Amino acid sequence: MGWYQDIAFPTLMRWNIGKNSILKKRTALLKHAYGNILEIGIGEGTNLPLYPTNITHIATVEAYPRKLKDSAIEVALFSESAAALHFDDNTFDTVVSTFSLCSVDDLEQYSPEYPCQRQVSEF
């Protein structure tokens, strides 16, 4: 990986998406997360401390895996694109995607309605 992807991009993202106003909106969004959770584009794990305290584990896909922040949440990290998920249908109750569309290789294949997401679930 290169300088931009390894150093510049993560630094700029931490500075931008780590603002208190953005973190408050993320916290408000994540309070609705429940059950089996898939997070798309976890990055460095900015959302991990924002999940409700009853969330103990999540699955995540990340096209460009990085070291995650320390967290009490157990993370199953899959290095793959959100455009081609390998999970069985109806696996997840909640699918979380915050600031991750920039990492999706083919936006035309990207869909907020994933087959792995249960019909009565949240995105």
PDB file of N, CA and C in Angstrom:
ATOM      1  N   MET A   1       0.838  -1.184   0.000  1.00  0.00           N
ATOM      2  CA  MET A   1       0.000   0.000   0.000  1.00  0.00           C
ATOM      3  C   MET A   1       0.875   1.236   0.000  1.00  0.00           C
ATOM      4  N   GLY A   2       0.299   2.322  -0.442  1.00  0.00           N
ATOM      5  CA  GLY A   2       1.083   3.529  -0.601  1.00  0.00           C
ATOM      6  C   GLY A   2       0.904   4.553   0.503  1.00  0.00           C
ATOM      7  N   TRP A   3       1.674   5.615   0.407  1.00  0.00           N
ATOM      8  CA  TRP A   3       1.682   6.689   1.390  1.00  0.00           C
ATOM      9  C   TRP A   3       0.290   7.289   1.566  1.00  0.00           C
ATOM     10  N   TYR A   4      -0.393   7.578   0.465  1.00  0.00           N
ATOM     11  CA  TYR A   4      -1.711   8.204   0.561  1.00  0.00           C
ATOM     12  C   TYR A   4      -2.690   7.297   1.289  1.00  0.00           C
ATOM     13  N   GLN A   5      -2.762   6.031   0.884  1.00  0.00           N
ATOM     14  CA  GLN A   5      -3.719   5.094   1.469  1.00  0.00           C
ATOM     15  C   GLN A   5      -3.378   4.750   2.917  1.00  0.00           C
ATOM     16  N   ASP A   6      -2.100   4.675   3.234  1.00  0.00           N
ATOM     17  CA  ASP A   6      -1.681   4.266   4.571  1.00  0.00           C
ATOM     18  C   ASP A   6      -1.588   5.404   5.579  1.00  0.00           C
ATOM     19  N   ILE A   7      -1.260   6.610   5.121  1.00  0.00           N
ATOM     20  CA  ILE A   7      -1.010   7.711   6.052  1.00  0.00           C
ATOM     21  C   ILE A   7      -1.951   8.896   5.818  1.00  0.00           C
ATOM     22  N   ALA A   8      -1.937   9.449   4.617  1.00  0.00           N
ATOM     23  CA  ALA A   8      -2.702  10.674   4.345  1.00  0.00           C
ATOM     24  C   ALA A   8      -4.210  10.457   4.477  1.00  0.00           C
ATOM     25  N   PHE A   9      -4.735   9.453   3.809  1.00  0.00           N
ATOM     26  CA  PHE A   9      -6.183   9.228   3.826  1.00  0.00           C
ATOM     27  C   PHE A   9      -6.702   8.966   5.243  1.00  0.00           C
ATOM     28  N   PRO A  10      -6.105   8.023   6.016  1.00  0.00           N
ATOM     29  CA  PRO A  10      -6.609   7.810   7.380  1.00  0.00           C
ATOM     30  C   PRO A  10      -6.526   9.059   8.264  1.00  0.00           C
ATOM     31  N   THR A  11      -5.464   9.841   8.109  1.00  0.00           N
ATOM     32  CA  THR A  11      -5.317  11.060   8.910  1.00  0.00           C
ATOM     33  C   THR A  11      -6.409  12.069   8.567  1.00  0.00           C
ATOM     34  N   LEU A  12      -6.656  12.276   7.292  1.00  0.00           N
ATOM     35  CA  LEU A  12      -7.702  13.204   6.860  1.00  0.00           C
ATOM     36  C   LEU A  12      -9.083  12.724   7.304  1.00  0.00           C
ATOM     37  N   MET A  13      -9.318  11.430   7.224  1.00  0.00           N
ATOM     38  CA  MET A  13     -10.608  10.888   7.650  1.00  0.00           C
ATOM     39  C   MET A  13     -10.813  11.065   9.158  1.00  0.00           C
ATOM     40  N   ARG A  14      -9.790  10.777   9.960  1.00  0.00           N
ATOM     41  CA  ARG A  14      -9.908  10.964  11.413  1.00  0.00           C
ATOM     42  C   ARG A  14     -10.222  12.419  11.741  1.00  0.00           C
ATOM     43  N   TRP A  15      -9.570  13.333  11.047  1.00  0.00           N
ATOM     44  CA  TRP A  15      -9.776  14.755  11.295  1.00  0.00           C
ATOM     45  C   TRP A  15     -11.196  15.162  10.903  1.00  0.00           C
ATOM     46  N   ASN A  16     -11.693  14.661   9.788  1.00  0.00           N
ATOM     47  CA  ASN A  16     -12.995  15.064   9.276  1.00  0.00           C
ATOM     48  C   ASN A  16     -14.152  14.343   9.975  1.00  0.00           C
ATOM     49  N   ILE A  17     -14.129  13.010   9.996  1.00  0.00           N
ATOM     50  CA  ILE A  17     -15.266  12.269  10.534  1.00  0.00           C
ATOM     51  C   ILE A  17     -15.191  12.079  12.041  1.00  0.00           C
ATOM     52  N   GLY A  18     -14.133  12.554  12.665  1.00  0.00           N
ATOM     53  CA  GLY A  18     -14.012  12.473  14.109  1.00  0.00           C
ATOM     54  C   GLY A  18     -14.524  13.709  14.820  1.00  0.00           C
ATOM     55  N   LYS A  19     -15.106  14.637  14.080  1.00  0.00           N
ATOM     56  CA  LYS A  19     -15.656  15.850  14.689  1.00  0.00           C
ATOM     57  C   LYS A  19     -16.824  15.489  15.600  1.00  0.00           C
ATOM     58  N   ASN A  20     -16.978  16.220  16.692  1.00  0.00           N
ATOM     59  CA  ASN A  20     -18.051  15.946  17.652  1.00  0.00           C
ATOM     60  C   ASN A  20     -19.430  15.948  17.003  1.00  0.00           C
ATOM     61  N   SER A  21     -19.680  16.877  16.090  1.00  0.00           N
ATOM     62  CA  SER A  21     -20.998  16.951  15.451  1.00  0.00           C
ATOM     63  C   SER A  21     -21.289  15.679  14.653  1.00  0.00           C
ATOM     64  N   ILE A  22     -20.284  15.142  13.996  1.00  0.00           N
ATOM     65  CA  ILE A  22     -20.457  13.907  13.215  1.00  0.00           C
ATOM     66  C   ILE A  22     -20.604  12.710  14.155  1.00  0.00           C
ATOM     67  N   LEU A  23     -19.801  12.656  15.208  1.00  0.00           N
ATOM     68  CA  LEU A  23     -19.887  11.543  16.153  1.00  0.00           C
ATOM     69  C   LEU A  23     -21.254  11.489  16.839  1.00  0.00           C
ATOM     70  N   LYS A  24     -21.846  12.640  17.121  1.00  0.00           N
ATOM     71  CA  LYS A  24     -23.180  12.670  17.712  1.00  0.00           C
ATOM     72  C   LYS A  24     -24.212  12.076  16.762  1.00  0.00           C
ATOM     73  N   LYS A  25     -24.105  12.392  15.487  1.00  0.00           N
ATOM     74  CA  LYS A  25     -25.041  11.838  14.493  1.00  0.00           C
ATOM     75  C   LYS A  25     -24.840  10.334  14.341  1.00  0.00           C
ATOM     76  N   ARG A  26     -23.600   9.889  14.354  1.00  0.00           N
ATOM     77  CA  ARG A  26     -23.324   8.454  14.272  1.00  0.00           C
ATOM     78  C   ARG A  26     -23.898   7.730  15.485  1.00  0.00           C
ATOM     79  N   THR A  27     -23.717   8.301  16.677  1.00  0.00           N
ATOM     80  CA  THR A  27     -24.242   7.693  17.897  1.00  0.00           C
ATOM     81  C   THR A  27     -25.760   7.568  17.825  1.00  0.00           C
ATOM     82  N   ALA A  28     -26.423   8.606  17.352  1.00  0.00           N
ATOM     83  CA  ALA A  28     -27.880   8.579  17.213  1.00  0.00           C
ATOM     84  C   ALA A  28     -28.312   7.497  16.228  1.00  0.00           C
ATOM     85  N   LEU A  29     -27.575   7.329  15.172  1.00  0.00           N
ATOM     86  CA  LEU A  29     -27.875   6.299  14.170  1.00  0.00           C
ATOM     87  C   LEU A  29     -27.655   4.904  14.742  1.00  0.00           C
ATOM     88  N   LEU A  30     -26.524   4.715  15.410  1.00  0.00           N
ATOM     89  CA  LEU A  30     -26.143   3.385  15.883  1.00  0.00           C
ATOM     90  C   LEU A  30     -26.962   2.891  17.073  1.00  0.00           C
ATOM     91  N   LYS A  31     -27.684   3.787  17.742  1.00  0.00           N
ATOM     92  CA  LYS A  31     -28.500   3.336  18.868  1.00  0.00           C
ATOM     93  C   LYS A  31     -29.610   2.392  18.407  1.00  0.00           C
ATOM     94  N   HIS A  32     -29.891   2.363  17.109  1.00  0.00           N
ATOM     95  CA  HIS A  32     -30.920   1.486  16.555  1.00  0.00           C
ATOM     96  C   HIS A  32     -30.363   0.129  16.120  1.00  0.00           C
ATOM     97  N   ALA A  33     -29.063  -0.056  16.187  1.00  0.00           N
ATOM     98  CA  ALA A  33     -28.447  -1.314  15.764  1.00  0.00           C
ATOM     99  C   ALA A  33     -28.804  -2.424  16.751  1.00  0.00           C
ATOM    100  N   TYR A  34     -29.094  -3.599  16.212  1.00  0.00           N
ATOM    101  CA  TYR A  34     -29.451  -4.735  17.069  1.00  0.00           C
ATOM    102  C   TYR A  34     -29.150  -6.049  16.355  1.00  0.00           C
ATOM    103  N   GLY A  35     -29.139  -7.115  17.125  1.00  0.00           N
ATOM    104  CA  GLY A  35     -28.996  -8.458  16.572  1.00  0.00           C
ATOM    105  C   GLY A  35     -27.661  -8.688  15.889  1.00  0.00           C
ATOM    106  N   ASN A  36     -27.703  -9.470  14.827  1.00  0.00           N
ATOM    107  CA  ASN A  36     -26.504  -9.727  14.023  1.00  0.00           C
ATOM    108  C   ASN A  36     -26.243  -8.508  13.155  1.00  0.00           C
ATOM    109  N   ILE A  37     -25.061  -7.925  13.308  1.00  0.00           N
ATOM    110  CA  ILE A  37     -24.738  -6.660  12.656  1.00  0.00           C
ATOM    111  C   ILE A  37     -23.613  -6.852  11.655  1.00  0.00           C
ATOM    112  N   LEU A  38     -23.784  -6.260  10.476  1.00  0.00           N
ATOM    113  CA  LEU A  38     -22.732  -6.182   9.469  1.00  0.00           C
ATOM    114  C   LEU A  38     -22.402  -4.711   9.280  1.00  0.00           C
ATOM    115  N   GLU A  39     -21.133  -4.355   9.490  1.00  0.00           N
ATOM    116  CA  GLU A  39     -20.705  -2.985   9.204  1.00  0.00           C
ATOM    117  C   GLU A  39     -19.862  -3.008   7.945  1.00  0.00           C
ATOM    118  N   ILE A  40     -20.234  -2.170   7.000  1.00  0.00           N
ATOM    119  CA  ILE A  40     -19.522  -2.076   5.731  1.00  0.00           C
ATOM    120  C   ILE A  40     -18.547  -0.915   5.804  1.00  0.00           C
ATOM    121  N   GLY A  41     -17.265  -1.212   5.565  1.00  0.00           N
ATOM    122  CA  GLY A  41     -16.246  -0.172   5.587  1.00  0.00           C
ATOM    123  C   GLY A  41     -15.947   0.313   6.991  1.00  0.00           C
ATOM    124  N   ILE A  42     -15.475  -0.552   7.849  1.00  0.00           N
ATOM    125  CA  ILE A  42     -15.220  -0.201   9.246  1.00  0.00           C
ATOM    126  C   ILE A  42     -14.033   0.746   9.408  1.00  0.00           C
ATOM    127  N   GLY A  43     -13.155   0.804   8.430  1.00  0.00           N
ATOM    128  CA  GLY A  43     -11.986   1.685   8.523  1.00  0.00           C
ATOM    129  C   GLY A  43     -11.141   1.343   9.730  1.00  0.00           C
ATOM    130  N   GLU A  44     -10.926   2.323  10.604  1.00  0.00           N
ATOM    131  CA  GLU A  44     -10.144   2.112  11.833  1.00  0.00           C
ATOM    132  C   GLU A  44     -11.043   1.820  13.036  1.00  0.00           C
ATOM    133  N   GLY A  45     -12.346   1.699  12.801  1.00  0.00           N
ATOM    134  CA  GLY A  45     -13.266   1.361  13.883  1.00  0.00           C
ATOM    135  C   GLY A  45     -13.854   2.548  14.608  1.00  0.00           C
ATOM    136  N   THR A  46     -14.032   3.666  13.924  1.00  0.00           N
ATOM    137  CA  THR A  46     -14.581   4.876  14.548  1.00  0.00           C
ATOM    138  C   THR A  46     -15.933   4.619  15.205  1.00  0.00           C
ATOM    139  N   ASN A  47     -16.738   3.737  14.609  1.00  0.00           N
ATOM    140  CA  ASN A  47     -18.070   3.464  15.166  1.00  0.00           C
ATOM    141  C   ASN A  47     -18.047   2.559  16.397  1.00  0.00           C
ATOM    142  N   LEU A  48     -16.995   1.806  16.607  1.00  0.00           N
ATOM    143  CA  LEU A  48     -16.992   0.796  17.670  1.00  0.00           C
ATOM    144  C   LEU A  48     -17.392   1.337  19.036  1.00  0.00           C
ATOM    145  N   PRO A  49     -16.831   2.452  19.510  1.00  0.00           N
ATOM    146  CA  PRO A  49     -17.236   2.932  20.839  1.00  0.00           C
ATOM    147  C   PRO A  49     -18.627   3.580  20.854  1.00  0.00           C
ATOM    148  N   LEU A  50     -19.253   3.723  19.682  1.00  0.00           N
ATOM    149  CA  LEU A  50     -20.538   4.398  19.582  1.00  0.00           C
ATOM    150  C   LEU A  50     -21.729   3.442  19.591  1.00  0.00           C
ATOM    151  N   TYR A  51     -21.469   2.140  19.437  1.00  0.00           N
ATOM    152  CA  TYR A  51     -22.558   1.158  19.465  1.00  0.00           C
ATOM    153  C   TYR A  51     -23.150   1.083  20.866  1.00  0.00           C
ATOM    154  N   PRO A  52     -24.423   0.698  20.964  1.00  0.00           N
ATOM    155  CA  PRO A  52     -25.018   0.490  22.296  1.00  0.00           C
ATOM    156  C   PRO A  52     -24.213  -0.551  23.084  1.00  0.00           C
ATOM    157  N   THR A  53     -24.249  -0.455  24.393  1.00  0.00           N
ATOM    158  CA  THR A  53     -23.429  -1.326  25.234  1.00  0.00           C
ATOM    159  C   THR A  53     -23.841  -2.790  25.150  1.00  0.00           C
ATOM    160  N   ASN A  54     -25.051  -3.094  24.694  1.00  0.00           N
ATOM    161  CA  ASN A  54     -25.476  -4.485  24.591  1.00  0.00           C
ATOM    162  C   ASN A  54     -24.921  -5.184  23.342  1.00  0.00           C
ATOM    163  N   ILE A  55     -24.281  -4.447  22.448  1.00  0.00           N
ATOM    164  CA  ILE A  55     -23.675  -5.041  21.250  1.00  0.00           C
ATOM    165  C   ILE A  55     -22.311  -5.597  21.646  1.00  0.00           C
ATOM    166  N   THR A  56     -22.127  -6.897  21.454  1.00  0.00           N
ATOM    167  CA  THR A  56     -20.876  -7.538  21.861  1.00  0.00           C
ATOM    168  C   THR A  56     -20.038  -8.030  20.691  1.00  0.00           C
ATOM    169  N   HIS A  57     -20.652  -8.158  19.507  1.00  0.00           N
ATOM    170  CA  HIS A  57     -19.887  -8.608  18.342  1.00  0.00           C
ATOM    171  C   HIS A  57     -20.555  -8.112  17.055  1.00  0.00           C
ATOM    172  N   ILE A  58     -19.713  -7.890  16.054  1.00  0.00           N
ATOM    173  CA  ILE A  58     -20.195  -7.512  14.733  1.00  0.00           C
ATOM    174  C   ILE A  58     -19.321  -8.193  13.692  1.00  0.00           C
ATOM    175  N   ALA A  59     -19.875  -8.320  12.496  1.00  0.00           N
ATOM    176  CA  ALA A  59     -19.094  -8.731  11.336  1.00  0.00           C
ATOM    177  C   ALA A  59     -18.871  -7.481  10.506  1.00  0.00           C
ATOM    178  N   THR A  60     -17.769  -7.428   9.818  1.00  0.00           N
ATOM    179  CA  THR A  60     -17.486  -6.257   9.002  1.00  0.00           C
ATOM    180  C   THR A  60     -16.728  -6.645   7.744  1.00  0.00           C
ATOM    181  N   VAL A  61     -16.990  -5.899   6.684  1.00  0.00           N
ATOM    182  CA  VAL A  61     -16.216  -6.049   5.461  1.00  0.00           C
ATOM    183  C   VAL A  61     -15.461  -4.749   5.235  1.00  0.00           C
ATOM    184  N   GLU A  62     -14.232  -4.890   4.829  1.00  0.00           N
ATOM    185  CA  GLU A  62     -13.371  -3.731   4.601  1.00  0.00           C
ATOM    186  C   GLU A  62     -12.446  -4.070   3.447  1.00  0.00           C
ATOM    187  N   ALA A  63     -12.521  -3.271   2.390  1.00  0.00           N
ATOM    188  CA  ALA A  63     -11.677  -3.507   1.223  1.00  0.00           C
ATOM    189  C   ALA A  63     -10.214  -3.181   1.505  1.00  0.00           C
ATOM    190  N   TYR A  64      -9.965  -2.262   2.443  1.00  0.00           N
ATOM    191  CA  TYR A  64      -8.606  -1.846   2.781  1.00  0.00           C
ATOM    192  C   TYR A  64      -8.413  -1.950   4.303  1.00  0.00           C
ATOM    193  N   PRO A  65      -8.255  -3.156   4.828  1.00  0.00           N
ATOM    194  CA  PRO A  65      -8.178  -3.340   6.290  1.00  0.00           C
ATOM    195  C   PRO A  65      -7.042  -2.553   6.936  1.00  0.00           C
ATOM    196  N   ARG A  66      -7.338  -1.996   8.099  1.00  0.00           N
ATOM    197  CA  ARG A  66      -6.368  -1.271   8.918  1.00  0.00           C
ATOM    198  C   ARG A  66      -6.461  -1.801  10.340  1.00  0.00           C
ATOM    199  N   LYS A  67      -5.549  -1.376  11.182  1.00  0.00           N
ATOM    200  CA  LYS A  67      -5.619  -1.746  12.602  1.00  0.00           C
ATOM    201  C   LYS A  67      -6.832  -1.044  13.209  1.00  0.00           C
ATOM    202  N   LEU A  68      -7.654  -1.822  13.912  1.00  0.00           N
ATOM    203  CA  LEU A  68      -8.853  -1.273  14.531  1.00  0.00           C
ATOM    204  C   LEU A  68      -8.548  -0.711  15.914  1.00  0.00           C
ATOM    205  N   LYS A  69      -9.348   0.261  16.314  1.00  0.00           N
ATOM    206  CA  LYS A  69      -9.261   0.794  17.672  1.00  0.00           C
ATOM    207  C   LYS A  69      -9.583  -0.325  18.658  1.00  0.00           C
ATOM    208  N   ASP A  70      -9.009  -0.241  19.851  1.00  0.00           N
ATOM    209  CA  ASP A  70      -9.345  -1.199  20.898  1.00  0.00           C
ATOM    210  C   ASP A  70     -10.818  -1.054  21.248  1.00  0.00           C
ATOM    211  N   SER A  71     -11.479  -2.194  21.444  1.00  0.00           N
ATOM    212  CA  SER A  71     -12.907  -2.166  21.722  1.00  0.00           C
ATOM    213  C   SER A  71     -13.320  -3.411  22.478  1.00  0.00           C
ATOM    214  N   ALA A  72     -14.391  -3.278  23.246  1.00  0.00           N
ATOM    215  CA  ALA A  72     -14.972  -4.442  23.924  1.00  0.00           C
ATOM    216  C   ALA A  72     -15.787  -5.280  22.947  1.00  0.00           C
ATOM    217  N   ILE A  73     -16.074  -4.727  21.780  1.00  0.00           N
ATOM    218  CA  ILE A  73     -16.843  -5.445  20.770  1.00  0.00           C
ATOM    219  C   ILE A  73     -15.918  -6.372  19.991  1.00  0.00           C
ATOM    220  N   GLU A  74     -16.324  -7.628  19.890  1.00  0.00           N
ATOM    221  CA  GLU A  74     -15.576  -8.595  19.088  1.00  0.00           C
ATOM    222  C   GLU A  74     -15.895  -8.343  17.614  1.00  0.00           C
ATOM    223  N   VAL A  75     -14.852  -8.209  16.802  1.00  0.00           N
ATOM    224  CA  VAL A  75     -15.024  -7.889  15.383  1.00  0.00           C
ATOM    225  C   VAL A  75     -14.515  -9.031  14.526  1.00  0.00           C
ATOM    226  N   ALA A  76     -15.394  -9.531  13.663  1.00  0.00           N
ATOM    227  CA  ALA A  76     -14.995 -10.504  12.646  1.00  0.00           C
ATOM    228  C   ALA A  76     -14.777  -9.709  11.361  1.00  0.00           C
ATOM    229  N   LEU A  77     -13.525  -9.543  10.963  1.00  0.00           N
ATOM    230  CA  LEU A  77     -13.171  -8.693   9.823  1.00  0.00           C
ATOM    231  C   LEU A  77     -12.950  -9.542   8.578  1.00  0.00           C
ATOM    232  N   PHE A  78     -13.686  -9.205   7.511  1.00  0.00           N
ATOM    233  CA  PHE A  78     -13.545  -9.883   6.228  1.00  0.00           C
ATOM    234  C   PHE A  78     -13.010  -8.881   5.223  1.00  0.00           C
ATOM    235  N   SER A  79     -11.899  -9.212   4.610  1.00  0.00           N
ATOM    236  CA  SER A  79     -11.268  -8.332   3.634  1.00  0.00           C
ATOM    237  C   SER A  79     -11.885  -8.581   2.266  1.00  0.00           C
ATOM    238  N   GLU A  80     -12.910  -7.799   1.962  1.00  0.00           N
ATOM    239  CA  GLU A  80     -13.594  -7.933   0.678  1.00  0.00           C
ATOM    240  C   GLU A  80     -14.372  -6.655   0.375  1.00  0.00           C
ATOM    241  N   SER A  81     -14.877  -6.586  -0.824  1.00  0.00           N
ATOM    242  CA  SER A  81     -15.649  -5.431  -1.261  1.00  0.00           C
ATOM    243  C   SER A  81     -17.117  -5.605  -0.885  1.00  0.00           C
ATOM    244  N   ALA A  82     -17.776  -4.516  -0.586  1.00  0.00           N
ATOM    245  CA  ALA A  82     -19.210  -4.543  -0.285  1.00  0.00           C
ATOM    246  C   ALA A  82     -20.034  -4.884  -1.519  1.00  0.00           C
ATOM    247  N   ALA A  83     -19.445  -4.770  -2.688  1.00  0.00           N
ATOM    248  CA  ALA A  83     -20.167  -5.061  -3.924  1.00  0.00           C
ATOM    249  C   ALA A  83     -20.346  -6.558  -4.151  1.00  0.00           C
ATOM    250  N   ALA A  84     -19.606  -7.400  -3.429  1.00  0.00           N
ATOM    251  CA  ALA A  84     -19.687  -8.846  -3.644  1.00  0.00           C
ATOM    252  C   ALA A  84     -19.569  -9.574  -2.303  1.00  0.00           C
ATOM    253  N   LEU A  85     -20.626  -9.497  -1.503  1.00  0.00           N
ATOM    254  CA  LEU A  85     -20.597 -10.119  -0.184  1.00  0.00           C
ATOM    255  C   LEU A  85     -20.812 -11.624  -0.274  1.00  0.00           C
ATOM    256  N   HIS A  86     -20.164 -12.375   0.609  1.00  0.00           N
ATOM    257  CA  HIS A  86     -20.239 -13.834   0.580  1.00  0.00           C
ATOM    258  C   HIS A  86     -21.213 -14.423   1.605  1.00  0.00           C
ATOM    259  N   PHE A  87     -21.890 -13.610   2.350  1.00  0.00           N
ATOM    260  CA  PHE A  87     -22.745 -14.091   3.427  1.00  0.00           C
ATOM    261  C   PHE A  87     -24.040 -14.715   2.893  1.00  0.00           C
ATOM    262  N   ASP A  88     -24.574 -15.669   3.655  1.00  0.00           N
ATOM    263  CA  ASP A  88     -25.851 -16.285   3.298  1.00  0.00           C
ATOM    264  C   ASP A  88     -26.973 -15.267   3.402  1.00  0.00           C
ATOM    265  N   ASP A  89     -28.039 -15.507   2.652  1.00  0.00           N
ATOM    266  CA  ASP A  89     -29.213 -14.643   2.729  1.00  0.00           C
ATOM    267  C   ASP A  89     -29.771 -14.634   4.149  1.00  0.00           C
ATOM    268  N   ASN A  90     -30.325 -13.517   4.533  1.00  0.00           N
ATOM    269  CA  ASN A  90     -30.993 -13.342   5.827  1.00  0.00           C
ATOM    270  C   ASN A  90     -30.079 -13.579   7.031  1.00  0.00           C
ATOM    271  N   THR A  91     -28.825 -13.210   6.925  1.00  0.00           N
ATOM    272  CA  THR A  91     -27.865 -13.404   8.017  1.00  0.00           C
ATOM    273  C   THR A  91     -27.913 -12.260   9.032  1.00  0.00           C
ATOM    274  N   PHE A  92     -28.129 -11.031   8.580  1.00  0.00           N
ATOM    275  CA  PHE A  92     -27.970  -9.864   9.449  1.00  0.00           C
ATOM    276  C   PHE A  92     -29.282  -9.138   9.716  1.00  0.00           C
ATOM    277  N   ASP A  93     -29.401  -8.639  10.948  1.00  0.00           N
ATOM    278  CA  ASP A  93     -30.548  -7.827  11.345  1.00  0.00           C
ATOM    279  C   ASP A  93     -30.307  -6.354  11.019  1.00  0.00           C
ATOM    280  N   THR A  94     -29.052  -5.930  11.161  1.00  0.00           N
ATOM    281  CA  THR A  94     -28.687  -4.534  10.929  1.00  0.00           C
ATOM    282  C   THR A  94     -27.459  -4.474  10.033  1.00  0.00           C
ATOM    283  N   VAL A  95     -27.516  -3.618   9.015  1.00  0.00           N
ATOM    284  CA  VAL A  95     -26.354  -3.345   8.170  1.00  0.00           C
ATOM    285  C   VAL A  95     -26.009  -1.876   8.354  1.00  0.00           C
ATOM    286  N   VAL A  96     -24.762  -1.612   8.741  1.00  0.00           N
ATOM    287  CA  VAL A  96     -24.295  -0.257   9.019  1.00  0.00           C
ATOM    288  C   VAL A  96     -23.298   0.160   7.941  1.00  0.00           C
ATOM    289  N   SER A  97     -23.497   1.354   7.411  1.00  0.00           N
ATOM    290  CA  SER A  97     -22.569   1.900   6.424  1.00  0.00           C
ATOM    291  C   SER A  97     -22.475   3.399   6.654  1.00  0.00           C
ATOM    292  N   THR A  98     -21.354   3.850   7.224  1.00  0.00           N
ATOM    293  CA  THR A  98     -21.160   5.283   7.442  1.00  0.00           C
ATOM    294  C   THR A  98     -19.843   5.692   6.797  1.00  0.00           C
ATOM    295  N   PHE A  99     -19.901   6.644   5.900  1.00  0.00           N
ATOM    296  CA  PHE A  99     -18.712   7.161   5.228  1.00  0.00           C
ATOM    297  C   PHE A  99     -17.919   6.057   4.531  1.00  0.00           C
ATOM    298  N   SER A 100     -18.613   5.143   3.878  1.00  0.00           N
ATOM    299  CA  SER A 100     -17.899   4.038   3.238  1.00  0.00           C
ATOM    300  C   SER A 100     -18.090   3.968   1.734  1.00  0.00           C
ATOM    301  N   LEU A 101     -18.963   4.752   1.172  1.00  0.00           N
ATOM    302  CA  LEU A 101     -19.206   4.657  -0.269  1.00  0.00           C
ATOM    303  C   LEU A 101     -17.969   4.985  -1.091  1.00  0.00           C
ATOM    304  N   CYS A 102     -17.063   5.779  -0.540  1.00  0.00           N
ATOM    305  CA  CYS A 102     -15.842   6.112  -1.274  1.00  0.00           C
ATOM    306  C   CYS A 102     -14.939   4.896  -1.455  1.00  0.00           C
ATOM    307  N   SER A 103     -15.169   3.834  -0.677  1.00  0.00           N
ATOM    308  CA  SER A 103     -14.323   2.647  -0.785  1.00  0.00           C
ATOM    309  C   SER A 103     -14.960   1.531  -1.613  1.00  0.00           C
ATOM    310  N   VAL A 104     -16.162   1.755  -2.131  1.00  0.00           N
ATOM    311  CA  VAL A 104     -16.825   0.747  -2.953  1.00  0.00           C
ATOM    312  C   VAL A 104     -16.321   0.882  -4.382  1.00  0.00           C
ATOM    313  N   ASP A 105     -15.760  -0.213  -4.892  1.00  0.00           N
ATOM    314  CA  ASP A 105     -15.160  -0.183  -6.225  1.00  0.00           C
ATOM    315  C   ASP A 105     -16.166   0.096  -7.331  1.00  0.00           C
ATOM    316  N   ASP A 106     -17.332  -0.523  -7.285  1.00  0.00           N
ATOM    317  CA  ASP A 106     -18.325  -0.398  -8.347  1.00  0.00           C
ATOM    318  C   ASP A 106     -19.649   0.037  -7.732  1.00  0.00           C
ATOM    319  N   LEU A 107     -19.900   1.345  -7.712  1.00  0.00           N
ATOM    320  CA  LEU A 107     -21.101   1.869  -7.062  1.00  0.00           C
ATOM    321  C   LEU A 107     -22.387   1.360  -7.697  1.00  0.00           C
ATOM    322  N   GLU A 108     -22.340   0.999  -8.979  1.00  0.00           N
ATOM    323  CA  GLU A 108     -23.549   0.497  -9.624  1.00  0.00           C
ATOM    324  C   GLU A 108     -23.961  -0.861  -9.064  1.00  0.00           C
ATOM    325  N   GLN A 109     -23.021  -1.622  -8.506  1.00  0.00           N
ATOM    326  CA  GLN A 109     -23.348  -2.910  -7.896  1.00  0.00           C
ATOM    327  C   GLN A 109     -23.718  -2.751  -6.429  1.00  0.00           C
ATOM    328  N   TYR A 110     -23.388  -1.615  -5.843  1.00  0.00           N
ATOM    329  CA  TYR A 110     -23.655  -1.369  -4.426  1.00  0.00           C
ATOM    330  C   TYR A 110     -25.148  -1.202  -4.217  1.00  0.00           C
ATOM    331  N   SER A 111     -25.687  -1.820  -3.189  1.00  0.00           N
ATOM    332  CA  SER A 111     -27.116  -1.728  -2.922  1.00  0.00           C
ATOM    333  C   SER A 111     -27.359  -1.669  -1.423  1.00  0.00           C
ATOM    334  N   PRO A 112     -28.230  -0.780  -0.976  1.00  0.00           N
ATOM    335  CA  PRO A 112     -28.576  -0.774   0.447  1.00  0.00           C
ATOM    336  C   PRO A 112     -29.482  -1.950   0.817  1.00  0.00           C
ATOM    337  N   GLU A 113     -29.902  -2.736  -0.169  1.00  0.00           N
ATOM    338  CA  GLU A 113     -30.726  -3.918   0.096  1.00  0.00           C
ATOM    339  C   GLU A 113     -29.912  -5.156  -0.251  1.00  0.00           C
ATOM    340  N   TYR A 114     -29.189  -5.647   0.733  1.00  0.00           N
ATOM    341  CA  TYR A 114     -28.350  -6.818   0.546  1.00  0.00           C
ATOM    342  C   TYR A 114     -29.165  -8.074   0.833  1.00  0.00           C
ATOM    343  N   PRO A 115     -28.976  -9.142   0.044  1.00  0.00           N
ATOM    344  CA  PRO A 115     -29.666 -10.399   0.336  1.00  0.00           C
ATOM    345  C   PRO A 115     -29.319 -10.946   1.721  1.00  0.00           C
ATOM    346  N   CYS A 116     -28.128 -10.638   2.224  1.00  0.00           N
ATOM    347  CA  CYS A 116     -27.722 -11.153   3.539  1.00  0.00           C
ATOM    348  C   CYS A 116     -28.452 -10.446   4.667  1.00  0.00           C
ATOM    349  N   GLN A 117     -29.199  -9.395   4.333  1.00  0.00           N
ATOM    350  CA  GLN A 117     -29.934  -8.623   5.331  1.00  0.00           C
ATOM    351  C   GLN A 117     -31.350  -9.187   5.459  1.00  0.00           C
ATOM    352  N   ARG A 118     -31.791  -9.442   6.674  1.00  0.00           N
ATOM    353  CA  ARG A 118     -33.136  -9.972   6.902  1.00  0.00           C
ATOM    354  C   ARG A 118     -34.176  -8.957   6.459  1.00  0.00           C
ATOM    355  N   GLN A 119     -35.341  -9.430   6.068  1.00  0.00           N
ATOM    356  CA  GLN A 119     -36.397  -8.582   5.542  1.00  0.00           C
ATOM    357  C   GLN A 119     -36.880  -7.530   6.548  1.00  0.00           C
ATOM    358  N   VAL A 120     -36.889  -7.839   7.820  1.00  0.00           N
ATOM    359  CA  VAL A 120     -37.377  -6.887   8.823  1.00  0.00           C
ATOM    360  C   VAL A 120     -36.197  -6.222   9.538  1.00  0.00           C
ATOM    361  N   SER A 121     -35.149  -5.985   8.802  1.00  0.00           N
ATOM    362  CA  SER A 121     -33.936  -5.444   9.406  1.00  0.00           C
ATOM    363  C   SER A 121     -33.757  -3.971   9.081  1.00  0.00           C
ATOM    364  N   GLU A 122     -32.692  -3.411   9.615  1.00  0.00           N
ATOM    365  CA  GLU A 122     -32.374  -1.990   9.446  1.00  0.00           C
ATOM    366  C   GLU A 122     -31.135  -1.829   8.591  1.00  0.00           C
ATOM    367  N   PHE A 123     -31.109  -0.794   7.755  1.00  0.00           N
ATOM    368  CA  PHE A 123     -29.895  -0.405   7.033  1.00  0.00           C
ATOM    369  C   PHE A 123     -29.654   1.049   7.335  1.00  0.00           C
TER     370      PHE A 123
END
